Amino acid sequence: MKIVIYGWDEGFNKVQFNKFLRKEYGYNINAAKNIVDDILNETEVCLETNDLVYLTKSLDGFKLKYRIEKENREHRDA
């Protein structure tokens, strides 16, 4: 599943979210900071997840606005 973060609410804890990105996604500090900066500038950011419940609860806790996008997989006969 893909989560698209498109904004944030008052109380967004950017430092803790930066740490979350580094721990859960393996981003280095600069990449995580760039993602946080994009969110603060309301640029859409996509995250992939296999655990939708965990990620959405985490994003809710960070006060982020997001939507869930299901991946479209086309099936073609050979």
C-alpha atoms as a PDB file:
ATOM      1  CA  MET A   1       0.000   0.000   0.000  1.00  0.00           C
ATOM      2  CA  LYS A   2       1.029   3.545  -0.624  1.00  0.00           C
ATOM      3  CA  ILE A   3       0.340   6.427   1.749  1.00  0.00           C
ATOM      4  CA  VAL A   4       0.469   9.970   0.387  1.00  0.00           C
ATOM      5  CA  ILE A   5       1.183  12.635   3.000  1.00  0.00           C
ATOM      6  CA  TYR A   6      -0.172  15.951   1.759  1.00  0.00           C
ATOM      7  CA  GLY A   7      -0.094  18.220   4.804  1.00  0.00           C
ATOM      8  CA  TRP A   8       0.135  18.609   8.540  1.00  0.00           C
ATOM      9  CA  ASP A   9      -1.867  19.896  11.472  1.00  0.00           C
ATOM     10  CA  GLU A  10      -0.868  22.083  14.390  1.00  0.00           C
ATOM     11  CA  GLY A  11       1.235  20.030  16.755  1.00  0.00           C
ATOM     12  CA  PHE A  12       3.171  18.193  14.015  1.00  0.00           C
ATOM     13  CA  ASN A  13       6.289  16.884  15.755  1.00  0.00           C
ATOM     14  CA  LYS A  14       8.853  17.139  12.994  1.00  0.00           C
ATOM     15  CA  VAL A  15      11.798  15.950  15.115  1.00  0.00           C
ATOM     16  CA  GLN A  16      10.047  12.747  16.180  1.00  0.00           C
ATOM     17  CA  PHE A  17       8.817  12.146  12.618  1.00  0.00           C
ATOM     18  CA  ASN A  18      12.377  12.579  11.352  1.00  0.00           C
ATOM     19  CA  LYS A  19      13.499   9.917  13.843  1.00  0.00           C
ATOM     20  CA  PHE A  20      10.611   7.672  12.764  1.00  0.00           C
ATOM     21  CA  LEU A  21      11.645   7.915   9.103  1.00  0.00           C
ATOM     22  CA  ARG A  22      15.224   7.046   9.975  1.00  0.00           C
ATOM     23  CA  LYS A  23      14.264   4.092  12.161  1.00  0.00           C
ATOM     24  CA  GLU A  24      11.375   2.614  10.151  1.00  0.00           C
ATOM     25  CA  TYR A  25      12.501   3.416   6.613  1.00  0.00           C
ATOM     26  CA  GLY A  26      16.277   3.542   6.970  1.00  0.00           C
ATOM     27  CA  TYR A  27      16.606   7.086   5.645  1.00  0.00           C
ATOM     28  CA  ASN A  28      19.727   9.010   6.576  1.00  0.00           C
ATOM     29  CA  ILE A  29      19.298  12.249   8.512  1.00  0.00           C
ATOM     30  CA  ASN A  30      19.453  14.447   5.383  1.00  0.00           C
ATOM     31  CA  ALA A  31      16.872  12.416   3.454  1.00  0.00           C
ATOM     32  CA  ALA A  32      14.531  12.398   6.459  1.00  0.00           C
ATOM     33  CA  LYS A  33      14.973  16.163   6.876  1.00  0.00           C
ATOM     34  CA  ASN A  34      14.145  16.711   3.205  1.00  0.00           C
ATOM     35  CA  ILE A  35      10.942  14.701   3.602  1.00  0.00           C
ATOM     36  CA  VAL A  36       9.963  16.715   6.683  1.00  0.00           C
ATOM     37  CA  ASP A  37      10.720  19.958   4.819  1.00  0.00           C
ATOM     38  CA  ASP A  38       8.553  18.804   1.899  1.00  0.00           C
ATOM     39  CA  ILE A  39       5.692  18.081   4.298  1.00  0.00           C
ATOM     40  CA  LEU A  40       6.065  21.488   5.940  1.00  0.00           C
ATOM     41  CA  ASN A  41       5.884  23.056   2.462  1.00  0.00           C
ATOM     42  CA  GLU A  42       2.807  20.909   1.722  1.00  0.00           C
ATOM     43  CA  THR A  43       4.540  18.990  -1.054  1.00  0.00           C
ATOM     44  CA  GLU A  44       3.113  15.482  -1.332  1.00  0.00           C
ATOM     45  CA  VAL A  45       5.312  12.683   0.002  1.00  0.00           C
ATOM     46  CA  CYS A  46       4.699   8.978  -0.677  1.00  0.00           C
ATOM     47  CA  LEU A  47       5.523   6.165   1.736  1.00  0.00           C
ATOM     48  CA  GLU A  48       5.121   2.462   1.006  1.00  0.00           C
ATOM     49  CA  THR A  49       3.956   0.097   3.731  1.00  0.00           C
ATOM     50  CA  ASN A  50       3.054  -3.509   4.338  1.00  0.00           C
ATOM     51  CA  ASP A  51       1.538  -2.611   7.728  1.00  0.00           C
ATOM     52  CA  LEU A  52      -1.186  -0.083   7.020  1.00  0.00           C
ATOM     53  CA  VAL A  53      -2.579  -0.044  10.562  1.00  0.00           C
ATOM     54  CA  TYR A  54       0.814   0.688  12.150  1.00  0.00           C
ATOM     55  CA  LEU A  55       1.684   3.432   9.681  1.00  0.00           C
ATOM     56  CA  THR A  56      -1.690   5.191   9.820  1.00  0.00           C
ATOM     57  CA  LYS A  57      -1.674   5.156  13.639  1.00  0.00           C
ATOM     58  CA  SER A  58       1.843   6.580  13.575  1.00  0.00           C
ATOM     59  CA  LEU A  59       0.913   9.315  11.106  1.00  0.00           C
ATOM     60  CA  ASP A  60      -2.163  10.192  13.163  1.00  0.00           C
ATOM     61  CA  GLY A  61       0.097  10.546  16.205  1.00  0.00           C
ATOM     62  CA  PHE A  62       2.415  12.862  14.282  1.00  0.00           C
ATOM     63  CA  LYS A  63      -0.573  15.037  13.247  1.00  0.00           C
ATOM     64  CA  LEU A  64      -0.134  14.448   9.526  1.00  0.00           C
ATOM     65  CA  LYS A  65      -2.741  14.622   6.777  1.00  0.00           C
ATOM     66  CA  TYR A  66      -2.642  11.662   4.407  1.00  0.00           C
ATOM     67  CA  ARG A  67      -4.598   9.500   2.030  1.00  0.00           C
ATOM     68  CA  ILE A  68      -4.297   5.825   1.219  1.00  0.00           C
ATOM     69  CA  GLU A  69      -3.718   4.801  -2.377  1.00  0.00           C
ATOM     70  CA  LYS A  70      -4.110   1.222  -3.430  1.00  0.00           C
ATOM     71  CA  GLU A  71      -1.643   0.012  -5.992  1.00  0.00           C
ATOM     72  CA  ASN A  72      -3.129  -0.769  -9.381  1.00  0.00           C
ATOM     73  CA  ARG A  73      -1.705  -3.930 -10.789  1.00  0.00           C
ATOM     74  CA  GLU A  74      -2.580  -4.641 -14.369  1.00  0.00           C
ATOM     75  CA  HIS A  75      -2.979  -8.219 -15.472  1.00  0.00           C
ATOM     76  CA  ARG A  76      -2.078  -8.937 -19.058  1.00  0.00           C
ATOM     77  CA  ASP A  77      -2.439 -12.270 -20.767  1.00  0.00           C
ATOM     78  CA  ALA A  78       0.591 -13.389 -22.745  1.00  0.00           C
END
